[in-house]
């Protein structure tokens, strides 16, 4: 074997090794960028979520103040006012449900809880800052047997059937079910 052939083979092997190392470094560098991008995205989502919670807290602060003062009727009127500006906002539905339940309008309260959870599943997520999981679970546990019994006795009552369906929906979401 001549020196020229050996030199060519060593050069070719060195070139192949260099290309492999360069390819490896490019792939690893891309992985770091991808990982950093996913961390940035998760951080952005967390910041946006926290900002949303803060916004809702400020938006509904007047409602909470009226409730603390025992002015439920005024709080409901304030919720109507906010709902006109933010018609698809679930937090108002939750607050309306709480007020109605406190006032003894259980069927209407259940319907508002259902609307809220349909709009935003965070209300049944125990890890959410907006969670009302405990209250909703208690509502379902207390009201489901009664509404199921009443719905059997009054099978042709559409409002009762709708409320019962809503309670089953809430029960399903509490158990981890999806829409």
N, C-alpha and C. Protein backbone atom coordinates (compact mmCIF):
# COMPACT_ATOMS: atom_id res chain seq x y z
N UNK A 1 0.85 -1.15 0.00
CA UNK A 1 0.00 0.00 0.00
C UNK A 1 0.91 1.23 0.00
N UNK A 2 0.58 2.14 -0.85
CA UNK A 2 1.43 3.32 -0.97
C UNK A 2 1.05 4.34 0.11
N UNK A 3 1.95 5.27 0.37
CA UNK A 3 1.75 6.30 1.36
C UNK A 3 0.59 7.21 0.98
N UNK A 4 0.40 7.39 -0.33
CA UNK A 4 -0.67 8.24 -0.82
C UNK A 4 -2.04 7.64 -0.50
N UNK A 5 -2.19 6.29 -0.69
CA UNK A 5 -3.46 5.63 -0.38
C UNK A 5 -3.78 5.71 1.12
N UNK A 6 -2.73 5.48 1.94
CA UNK A 6 -2.92 5.53 3.39
C UNK A 6 -3.31 6.96 3.80
N UNK A 7 -2.66 7.94 3.26
CA UNK A 7 -2.98 9.33 3.57
C UNK A 7 -4.41 9.67 3.16
N UNK A 8 -4.85 9.22 1.98
CA UNK A 8 -6.22 9.46 1.51
C UNK A 8 -7.24 8.82 2.46
N UNK A 9 -6.95 7.60 2.88
CA UNK A 9 -7.88 6.90 3.78
C UNK A 9 -7.96 7.60 5.14
N UNK A 10 -6.83 8.01 5.67
CA UNK A 10 -6.81 8.72 6.95
C UNK A 10 -7.53 10.08 6.83
N UNK A 11 -7.35 10.75 5.72
CA UNK A 11 -8.02 12.03 5.50
C UNK A 11 -9.52 11.83 5.41
N UNK A 12 -9.93 10.81 4.66
CA UNK A 12 -11.35 10.50 4.53
C UNK A 12 -11.96 10.14 5.88
N UNK A 13 -11.25 9.31 6.67
CA UNK A 13 -11.74 8.92 7.99
C UNK A 13 -11.85 10.16 8.90
N UNK A 14 -10.85 11.05 8.84
CA UNK A 14 -10.88 12.28 9.64
C UNK A 14 -12.05 13.17 9.24
N UNK A 15 -12.30 13.25 7.92
CA UNK A 15 -13.40 14.06 7.42
C UNK A 15 -14.75 13.50 7.89
N UNK A 16 -14.90 12.19 7.80
CA UNK A 16 -16.15 11.54 8.25
C UNK A 16 -16.34 11.75 9.75
N UNK A 17 -15.27 11.59 10.53
CA UNK A 17 -15.34 11.80 11.97
C UNK A 17 -15.72 13.25 12.29
N UNK A 18 -15.13 14.20 11.58
CA UNK A 18 -15.44 15.62 11.80
C UNK A 18 -16.90 15.92 11.49
N UNK A 19 -17.41 15.37 10.38
CA UNK A 19 -18.81 15.57 10.01
C UNK A 19 -19.73 14.98 11.08
N UNK A 20 -19.38 13.78 11.60
CA UNK A 20 -20.21 13.14 12.63
C UNK A 20 -20.23 13.98 13.90
N UNK A 21 -19.07 14.49 14.31
CA UNK A 21 -18.99 15.31 15.52
C UNK A 21 -19.77 16.61 15.32
N UNK A 22 -19.61 17.23 14.15
CA UNK A 22 -20.33 18.46 13.86
C UNK A 22 -21.85 18.21 13.87
N UNK A 23 -22.29 17.10 13.28
CA UNK A 23 -23.71 16.74 13.28
C UNK A 23 -24.23 16.53 14.69
N UNK A 24 -23.43 15.86 15.51
CA UNK A 24 -23.81 15.62 16.90
C UNK A 24 -23.96 16.95 17.65
N UNK A 25 -23.01 17.85 17.47
CA UNK A 25 -23.07 19.15 18.14
C UNK A 25 -24.27 19.97 17.68
N UNK A 26 -24.58 19.90 16.39
CA UNK A 26 -25.75 20.63 15.89
C UNK A 26 -27.04 20.09 16.48
N UNK A 27 -27.12 18.78 16.57
CA UNK A 27 -28.33 18.16 17.14
C UNK A 27 -28.45 18.53 18.62
N UNK A 28 -27.36 18.47 19.36
CA UNK A 28 -27.40 18.81 20.78
C UNK A 28 -27.73 20.27 20.99
N UNK A 29 -27.15 21.14 20.19
CA UNK A 29 -27.43 22.57 20.30
C UNK A 29 -28.89 22.85 20.02
N UNK A 30 -29.48 22.17 19.04
CA UNK A 30 -30.91 22.32 18.72
C UNK A 30 -31.77 21.85 19.88
N UNK A 31 -31.34 20.81 20.58
CA UNK A 31 -32.09 20.31 21.73
C UNK A 31 -32.12 21.32 22.85
N UNK A 32 -31.01 22.01 23.07
CA UNK A 32 -30.97 23.02 24.11
C UNK A 32 -31.90 24.18 23.77
N UNK A 33 -31.90 24.58 22.51
CA UNK A 33 -32.78 25.66 22.10
C UNK A 33 -34.24 25.26 22.26
N UNK A 34 -34.55 24.03 21.87
CA UNK A 34 -35.93 23.53 21.99
C UNK A 34 -36.35 23.48 23.45
N UNK A 35 -35.47 23.01 24.30
CA UNK A 35 -35.77 22.92 25.72
C UNK A 35 -35.98 24.32 26.31
N UNK A 36 -35.13 25.24 25.94
CA UNK A 36 -35.26 26.61 26.44
C UNK A 36 -36.56 27.23 25.95
N UNK A 37 -36.91 26.96 24.69
CA UNK A 37 -38.16 27.51 24.15
C UNK A 37 -39.36 26.95 24.88
N UNK A 38 -39.34 25.66 25.21
CA UNK A 38 -40.49 25.09 25.91
C UNK A 38 -40.58 25.63 27.34
N UNK A 39 -39.44 25.88 27.97
CA UNK A 39 -39.45 26.48 29.31
C UNK A 39 -39.99 27.90 29.23
N UNK A 40 -39.55 28.65 28.21
CA UNK A 40 -40.07 30.01 28.02
C UNK A 40 -41.57 30.00 27.80
N UNK A 41 -42.04 29.07 26.99
CA UNK A 41 -43.47 29.00 26.70
C UNK A 41 -44.26 28.65 27.97
N UNK A 42 -43.77 27.71 28.76
CA UNK A 42 -44.45 27.34 30.01
C UNK A 42 -44.47 28.53 30.98
N UNK A 43 -43.37 29.27 31.02
CA UNK A 43 -43.31 30.45 31.88
C UNK A 43 -44.30 31.51 31.41
N UNK A 44 -44.37 31.72 30.10
CA UNK A 44 -45.33 32.69 29.55
C UNK A 44 -46.76 32.29 29.89
N UNK A 45 -47.06 30.99 29.78
CA UNK A 45 -48.40 30.52 30.10
C UNK A 45 -48.73 30.74 31.57
N UNK A 46 -47.76 30.49 32.44
CA UNK A 46 -47.98 30.68 33.88
C UNK A 46 -48.19 32.16 34.20
N UNK A 47 -47.41 33.01 33.57
CA UNK A 47 -47.56 34.45 33.79
C UNK A 47 -48.92 34.92 33.29
N UNK A 48 -49.32 34.45 32.12
CA UNK A 48 -50.63 34.83 31.56
C UNK A 48 -51.76 34.34 32.46
N UNK A 49 -51.63 33.13 32.99
CA UNK A 49 -52.66 32.58 33.87
C UNK A 49 -52.76 33.41 35.15
N UNK A 50 -51.61 33.75 35.73
CA UNK A 50 -51.60 34.56 36.95
C UNK A 50 -52.20 35.94 36.68
N UNK A 51 -51.89 36.51 35.52
CA UNK A 51 -52.45 37.82 35.16
C UNK A 51 -53.96 37.73 35.02
N UNK A 52 -54.44 36.63 34.46
CA UNK A 52 -55.89 36.44 34.30
C UNK A 52 -56.57 36.35 35.68
N UNK A 53 -55.97 35.60 36.58
CA UNK A 53 -56.53 35.46 37.93
C UNK A 53 -56.55 36.83 38.62
N UNK A 54 -55.47 37.57 38.48
CA UNK A 54 -55.42 38.91 39.08
C UNK A 54 -56.49 39.83 38.48
N UNK A 55 -56.66 39.75 37.16
CA UNK A 55 -57.68 40.56 36.49
C UNK A 55 -59.07 40.21 37.01
N UNK A 56 -59.37 38.92 37.12
CA UNK A 56 -60.69 38.50 37.61
C UNK A 56 -60.91 38.95 39.06
N UNK A 57 -59.87 38.87 39.86
CA UNK A 57 -59.98 39.31 41.26
C UNK A 57 -60.34 40.79 41.32
N UNK A 58 -59.68 41.59 40.50
CA UNK A 58 -59.97 43.03 40.49
C UNK A 58 -61.33 43.32 39.88
N UNK A 59 -61.65 42.62 38.79
CA UNK A 59 -62.92 42.86 38.10
C UNK A 59 -64.11 42.58 39.02
N UNK A 60 -64.03 41.48 39.76
CA UNK A 60 -65.15 41.07 40.59
C UNK A 60 -65.04 41.52 42.04
N UNK A 61 -64.05 42.35 42.37
CA UNK A 61 -63.90 42.86 43.74
C UNK A 61 -65.15 43.60 44.22
N UNK A 62 -65.79 44.43 43.39
CA UNK A 62 -67.01 45.10 43.87
C UNK A 62 -68.12 44.12 44.22
N UNK A 63 -68.21 43.03 43.49
CA UNK A 63 -69.23 42.00 43.78
C UNK A 63 -68.93 41.37 45.13
N UNK A 64 -67.67 41.05 45.35
CA UNK A 64 -67.28 40.42 46.62
C UNK A 64 -67.54 41.38 47.79
N UNK A 65 -67.26 42.67 47.59
CA UNK A 65 -67.50 43.65 48.65
C UNK A 65 -68.99 43.74 48.97
N UNK A 66 -69.82 43.75 47.95
CA UNK A 66 -71.28 43.80 48.17
C UNK A 66 -71.75 42.53 48.90
N UNK A 67 -71.19 41.41 48.56
CA UNK A 67 -71.56 40.16 49.24
C UNK A 67 -71.18 40.21 50.71
N UNK A 68 -69.99 40.71 50.99
CA UNK A 68 -69.53 40.81 52.38
C UNK A 68 -70.42 41.73 53.20
N UNK A 69 -70.97 42.74 52.54
CA UNK A 69 -71.87 43.68 53.21
C UNK A 69 -73.29 43.14 53.29
N UNK A 70 -73.52 41.94 52.76
CA UNK A 70 -74.85 41.34 52.80
C UNK A 70 -75.80 41.89 51.75
N UNK A 71 -75.29 42.53 50.75
CA UNK A 71 -76.11 43.12 49.70
C UNK A 71 -76.11 42.22 48.45
N UNK A 72 -76.71 41.06 48.61
CA UNK A 72 -76.73 40.09 47.53
C UNK A 72 -77.45 40.59 46.29
N UNK A 73 -78.55 41.30 46.47
CA UNK A 73 -79.29 41.82 45.31
C UNK A 73 -78.44 42.80 44.51
N UNK A 74 -77.74 43.65 45.20
CA UNK A 74 -76.84 44.60 44.53
C UNK A 74 -75.69 43.86 43.86
N UNK A 75 -75.21 42.81 44.51
CA UNK A 75 -74.13 42.02 43.92
C UNK A 75 -74.59 41.35 42.62
N UNK A 76 -75.83 40.86 42.62
CA UNK A 76 -76.38 40.25 41.40
C UNK A 76 -76.52 41.29 40.29
N UNK A 77 -76.92 42.50 40.65
CA UNK A 77 -77.02 43.58 39.65
C UNK A 77 -75.64 43.93 39.09
N UNK A 78 -74.64 43.95 39.96
CA UNK A 78 -73.27 44.23 39.52
C UNK A 78 -72.77 43.12 38.60
N UNK A 79 -73.14 41.88 38.91
CA UNK A 79 -72.77 40.76 38.03
C UNK A 79 -73.41 40.91 36.65
N UNK A 80 -74.68 41.38 36.62
CA UNK A 80 -75.34 41.63 35.33
C UNK A 80 -74.57 42.68 34.53
N UNK A 81 -74.15 43.72 35.22
CA UNK A 81 -73.40 44.79 34.56
C UNK A 81 -72.08 44.26 33.97
N UNK A 82 -71.36 43.48 34.74
CA UNK A 82 -70.08 42.91 34.28
C UNK A 82 -70.33 41.92 33.14
N UNK A 83 -71.41 41.13 33.24
CA UNK A 83 -71.72 40.13 32.21
C UNK A 83 -72.01 40.78 30.86
N UNK A 84 -72.55 41.99 30.87
CA UNK A 84 -72.80 42.68 29.61
C UNK A 84 -71.48 43.02 28.92
N UNK A 85 -70.48 43.33 29.72
CA UNK A 85 -69.17 43.68 29.16
C UNK A 85 -68.33 42.44 28.84
N UNK A 86 -68.47 41.40 29.64
CA UNK A 86 -67.72 40.15 29.46
C UNK A 86 -68.70 38.97 29.47
N UNK A 87 -69.44 38.78 28.39
CA UNK A 87 -70.54 37.79 28.41
C UNK A 87 -70.10 36.32 28.52
N UNK A 88 -68.90 35.99 28.15
CA UNK A 88 -68.45 34.60 28.22
C UNK A 88 -67.50 34.35 29.38
N UNK A 89 -67.58 35.16 30.41
CA UNK A 89 -66.68 35.03 31.55
C UNK A 89 -67.29 34.10 32.60
N UNK A 90 -66.60 33.02 32.87
CA UNK A 90 -67.10 31.98 33.77
C UNK A 90 -67.12 32.41 35.24
N UNK A 91 -66.23 33.28 35.62
CA UNK A 91 -66.14 33.64 37.04
C UNK A 91 -67.43 34.29 37.55
N UNK A 92 -68.04 35.09 36.72
CA UNK A 92 -69.32 35.69 37.09
C UNK A 92 -70.39 34.64 37.30
N UNK A 93 -70.35 33.59 36.48
CA UNK A 93 -71.32 32.49 36.63
C UNK A 93 -71.12 31.77 37.96
N UNK A 94 -69.88 31.57 38.34
CA UNK A 94 -69.58 30.92 39.63
C UNK A 94 -70.11 31.78 40.78
N UNK A 95 -69.81 33.07 40.72
CA UNK A 95 -70.27 33.96 41.80
C UNK A 95 -71.79 34.03 41.86
N UNK A 96 -72.43 34.08 40.69
CA UNK A 96 -73.90 34.10 40.65
C UNK A 96 -74.44 32.80 41.26
N UNK A 97 -73.82 31.67 40.93
CA UNK A 97 -74.23 30.39 41.50
C UNK A 97 -74.10 30.38 43.02
N UNK A 98 -73.00 30.92 43.52
CA UNK A 98 -72.80 30.97 44.97
C UNK A 98 -73.88 31.81 45.66
N UNK A 99 -74.17 32.97 45.08
CA UNK A 99 -75.17 33.86 45.67
C UNK A 99 -76.55 33.21 45.64
N UNK A 100 -76.90 32.64 44.50
CA UNK A 100 -78.22 32.01 44.38
C UNK A 100 -78.36 30.82 45.33
N UNK A 101 -77.30 30.06 45.47
CA UNK A 101 -77.33 28.91 46.39
C UNK A 101 -77.52 29.41 47.82
N UNK A 102 -76.83 30.46 48.17
CA UNK A 102 -76.96 31.03 49.51
C UNK A 102 -78.38 31.55 49.75
N UNK A 103 -79.03 32.02 48.70
CA UNK A 103 -80.39 32.56 48.82
C UNK A 103 -81.45 31.46 48.71
N UNK A 104 -81.04 30.22 48.50
CA UNK A 104 -81.99 29.12 48.44
C UNK A 104 -82.53 28.81 47.05
N UNK A 105 -82.02 29.45 46.02
CA UNK A 105 -82.45 29.18 44.64
C UNK A 105 -81.53 28.10 44.06
N UNK A 106 -81.66 26.90 44.59
CA UNK A 106 -80.73 25.82 44.30
C UNK A 106 -80.70 25.44 42.82
N UNK A 107 -81.85 25.27 42.20
CA UNK A 107 -81.89 24.85 40.80
C UNK A 107 -81.17 25.85 39.91
N UNK A 108 -81.46 27.14 40.11
CA UNK A 108 -80.81 28.17 39.31
C UNK A 108 -79.31 28.22 39.59
N UNK A 109 -78.94 28.02 40.85
CA UNK A 109 -77.52 28.02 41.22
C UNK A 109 -76.78 26.90 40.50
N UNK A 110 -77.37 25.72 40.48
CA UNK A 110 -76.75 24.58 39.80
C UNK A 110 -76.54 24.91 38.33
N UNK A 111 -77.54 25.50 37.70
CA UNK A 111 -77.42 25.85 36.28
C UNK A 111 -76.27 26.82 36.03
N UNK A 112 -76.03 27.75 36.95
CA UNK A 112 -74.92 28.69 36.79
C UNK A 112 -73.58 28.01 37.03
N UNK A 113 -73.51 27.10 37.98
CA UNK A 113 -72.28 26.34 38.18
C UNK A 113 -71.96 25.53 36.92
N UNK A 114 -72.96 24.92 36.34
CA UNK A 114 -72.75 24.13 35.11
C UNK A 114 -72.21 25.04 34.01
N UNK A 115 -72.84 26.19 33.81
CA UNK A 115 -72.37 27.13 32.78
C UNK A 115 -70.92 27.53 33.02
N UNK A 116 -70.58 27.79 34.27
CA UNK A 116 -69.21 28.20 34.60
C UNK A 116 -68.20 27.11 34.27
N UNK A 117 -68.52 25.88 34.64
CA UNK A 117 -67.59 24.78 34.39
C UNK A 117 -67.48 24.49 32.90
N UNK A 118 -68.58 24.63 32.17
CA UNK A 118 -68.51 24.47 30.71
C UNK A 118 -67.62 25.53 30.07
N UNK A 119 -67.67 26.75 30.60
CA UNK A 119 -66.85 27.83 30.06
C UNK A 119 -65.38 27.70 30.48
N UNK A 120 -65.14 27.19 31.69
CA UNK A 120 -63.78 27.10 32.19
C UNK A 120 -63.66 25.95 33.19
N UNK A 121 -63.01 24.89 32.78
CA UNK A 121 -62.85 23.70 33.61
C UNK A 121 -61.96 23.89 34.82
N UNK A 122 -61.29 25.05 34.92
CA UNK A 122 -60.42 25.30 36.07
C UNK A 122 -61.18 25.27 37.39
N UNK A 123 -62.48 25.48 37.34
CA UNK A 123 -63.26 25.54 38.58
C UNK A 123 -63.42 24.16 39.24
N UNK A 124 -63.13 23.08 38.51
CA UNK A 124 -63.16 21.74 39.11
C UNK A 124 -61.76 21.14 39.21
N UNK A 125 -60.74 21.93 38.87
CA UNK A 125 -59.35 21.49 38.94
C UNK A 125 -58.78 21.89 40.30
N UNK A 126 -58.44 20.90 41.09
CA UNK A 126 -57.96 21.17 42.45
C UNK A 126 -56.68 22.01 42.46
N UNK A 127 -55.87 21.93 41.41
CA UNK A 127 -54.61 22.67 41.36
C UNK A 127 -54.77 24.10 40.87
N UNK A 128 -55.94 24.46 40.41
CA UNK A 128 -56.17 25.79 39.85
C UNK A 128 -56.35 26.84 40.94
N UNK A 129 -55.88 28.03 40.65
CA UNK A 129 -56.10 29.15 41.58
C UNK A 129 -57.58 29.54 41.62
N UNK A 130 -58.33 29.17 40.60
CA UNK A 130 -59.76 29.49 40.51
C UNK A 130 -60.65 28.37 41.06
N UNK A 131 -60.05 27.31 41.52
CA UNK A 131 -60.80 26.11 41.90
C UNK A 131 -61.93 26.37 42.90
N UNK A 132 -63.07 25.77 42.58
CA UNK A 132 -64.21 25.74 43.50
C UNK A 132 -64.62 24.27 43.65
N UNK A 133 -63.66 23.40 43.49
CA UNK A 133 -63.89 21.96 43.48
C UNK A 133 -64.62 21.49 44.74
N UNK A 134 -64.18 21.93 45.90
CA UNK A 134 -64.78 21.49 47.16
C UNK A 134 -66.25 21.89 47.23
N UNK A 135 -66.54 23.14 46.88
CA UNK A 135 -67.92 23.63 46.94
C UNK A 135 -68.81 22.89 45.92
N UNK A 136 -68.27 22.67 44.73
CA UNK A 136 -69.05 21.99 43.70
C UNK A 136 -69.28 20.53 44.08
N UNK A 137 -68.27 19.88 44.64
CA UNK A 137 -68.42 18.49 45.08
C UNK A 137 -69.48 18.39 46.18
N UNK A 138 -69.46 19.34 47.10
CA UNK A 138 -70.45 19.35 48.18
C UNK A 138 -71.85 19.57 47.61
N UNK A 139 -71.97 20.50 46.67
CA UNK A 139 -73.26 20.77 46.03
C UNK A 139 -73.80 19.51 45.36
N UNK A 140 -72.95 18.83 44.60
CA UNK A 140 -73.38 17.61 43.90
C UNK A 140 -73.78 16.54 44.91
N UNK A 141 -72.95 16.34 45.93
CA UNK A 141 -73.24 15.30 46.93
C UNK A 141 -74.56 15.56 47.65
N UNK A 142 -74.83 16.82 47.96
CA UNK A 142 -76.05 17.15 48.69
C UNK A 142 -77.29 17.15 47.80
N UNK A 143 -77.16 17.60 46.57
CA UNK A 143 -78.35 17.83 45.74
C UNK A 143 -78.69 16.70 44.78
N UNK A 144 -77.72 15.92 44.37
CA UNK A 144 -77.98 14.87 43.38
C UNK A 144 -79.05 13.87 43.82
N UNK A 145 -78.97 13.34 45.04
CA UNK A 145 -80.02 12.38 45.43
C UNK A 145 -81.42 12.99 45.42
N UNK A 146 -81.54 14.21 45.92
CA UNK A 146 -82.84 14.88 45.97
C UNK A 146 -83.38 15.15 44.56
N UNK A 147 -82.54 15.70 43.68
CA UNK A 147 -83.01 16.01 42.33
C UNK A 147 -83.28 14.73 41.53
N UNK A 148 -82.52 13.68 41.76
CA UNK A 148 -82.77 12.40 41.07
C UNK A 148 -84.13 11.85 41.48
N UNK A 149 -84.42 11.92 42.78
CA UNK A 149 -85.70 11.44 43.28
C UNK A 149 -86.86 12.28 42.73
N UNK A 150 -86.70 13.61 42.77
CA UNK A 150 -87.75 14.49 42.26
C UNK A 150 -87.95 14.31 40.76
N UNK A 151 -86.86 14.09 40.03
CA UNK A 151 -86.97 13.92 38.57
C UNK A 151 -87.69 12.61 38.22
N UNK A 152 -87.51 11.58 39.05
CA UNK A 152 -88.23 10.32 38.82
C UNK A 152 -89.72 10.51 39.05
N UNK A 153 -90.07 11.29 40.07
CA UNK A 153 -91.47 11.52 40.38
C UNK A 153 -92.14 12.46 39.38
N UNK A 154 -91.37 13.41 38.85
CA UNK A 154 -91.91 14.38 37.89
C UNK A 154 -91.15 14.23 36.56
N UNK A 155 -91.30 13.08 35.94
CA UNK A 155 -90.54 12.76 34.73
C UNK A 155 -90.79 13.72 33.58
N UNK A 156 -91.92 14.38 33.57
CA UNK A 156 -92.23 15.29 32.46
C UNK A 156 -91.81 16.73 32.75
N UNK A 157 -91.13 16.99 33.86
CA UNK A 157 -90.67 18.33 34.20
C UNK A 157 -89.30 18.58 33.54
N UNK A 158 -89.30 19.33 32.46
CA UNK A 158 -88.07 19.62 31.73
C UNK A 158 -87.05 20.39 32.58
N UNK A 159 -87.45 21.42 33.33
CA UNK A 159 -86.47 22.11 34.17
C UNK A 159 -85.78 21.18 35.18
N UNK A 160 -86.56 20.29 35.78
CA UNK A 160 -85.97 19.33 36.72
C UNK A 160 -85.00 18.39 36.01
N UNK A 161 -85.39 17.91 34.85
CA UNK A 161 -84.52 17.00 34.08
C UNK A 161 -83.23 17.72 33.68
N UNK A 162 -83.34 18.99 33.28
CA UNK A 162 -82.14 19.76 32.91
C UNK A 162 -81.21 19.95 34.10
N UNK A 163 -81.77 20.22 35.25
CA UNK A 163 -80.96 20.40 36.45
C UNK A 163 -80.28 19.09 36.83
N UNK A 164 -81.00 18.00 36.73
CA UNK A 164 -80.41 16.69 37.02
C UNK A 164 -79.28 16.38 36.05
N UNK A 165 -79.49 16.68 34.78
CA UNK A 165 -78.43 16.49 33.78
C UNK A 165 -77.21 17.34 34.13
N UNK A 166 -77.46 18.56 34.59
CA UNK A 166 -76.37 19.44 35.02
C UNK A 166 -75.60 18.87 36.19
N UNK A 167 -76.30 18.31 37.16
CA UNK A 167 -75.63 17.69 38.31
C UNK A 167 -74.78 16.49 37.88
N UNK A 168 -75.32 15.69 36.95
CA UNK A 168 -74.53 14.56 36.43
C UNK A 168 -73.30 15.07 35.68
N UNK A 169 -73.45 16.16 34.96
CA UNK A 169 -72.33 16.75 34.25
C UNK A 169 -71.24 17.19 35.25
N UNK A 170 -71.64 17.89 36.31
CA UNK A 170 -70.69 18.32 37.32
C UNK A 170 -70.02 17.12 37.99
N UNK A 171 -70.81 16.10 38.27
CA UNK A 171 -70.26 14.89 38.88
C UNK A 171 -69.20 14.26 37.96
N UNK A 172 -69.50 14.23 36.68
CA UNK A 172 -68.57 13.67 35.70
C UNK A 172 -67.27 14.48 35.64
N UNK A 173 -67.39 15.80 35.64
CA UNK A 173 -66.20 16.66 35.58
C UNK A 173 -65.37 16.52 36.86
N UNK A 174 -66.02 16.38 37.99
CA UNK A 174 -65.29 16.17 39.24
C UNK A 174 -64.53 14.85 39.22
N UNK A 175 -65.08 13.87 38.53
CA UNK A 175 -64.45 12.55 38.43
C UNK A 175 -63.34 12.53 37.37
N UNK A 176 -63.16 13.65 36.69
CA UNK A 176 -62.08 13.72 35.69
C UNK A 176 -62.57 13.59 34.27
N UNK A 177 -63.89 13.60 34.07
CA UNK A 177 -64.43 13.49 32.72
C UNK A 177 -64.23 14.78 31.93
N UNK A 178 -64.24 14.62 30.62
CA UNK A 178 -64.06 15.76 29.72
C UNK A 178 -65.41 16.18 29.16
N UNK A 179 -65.39 17.28 28.43
CA UNK A 179 -66.60 17.78 27.77
C UNK A 179 -67.23 16.73 26.90
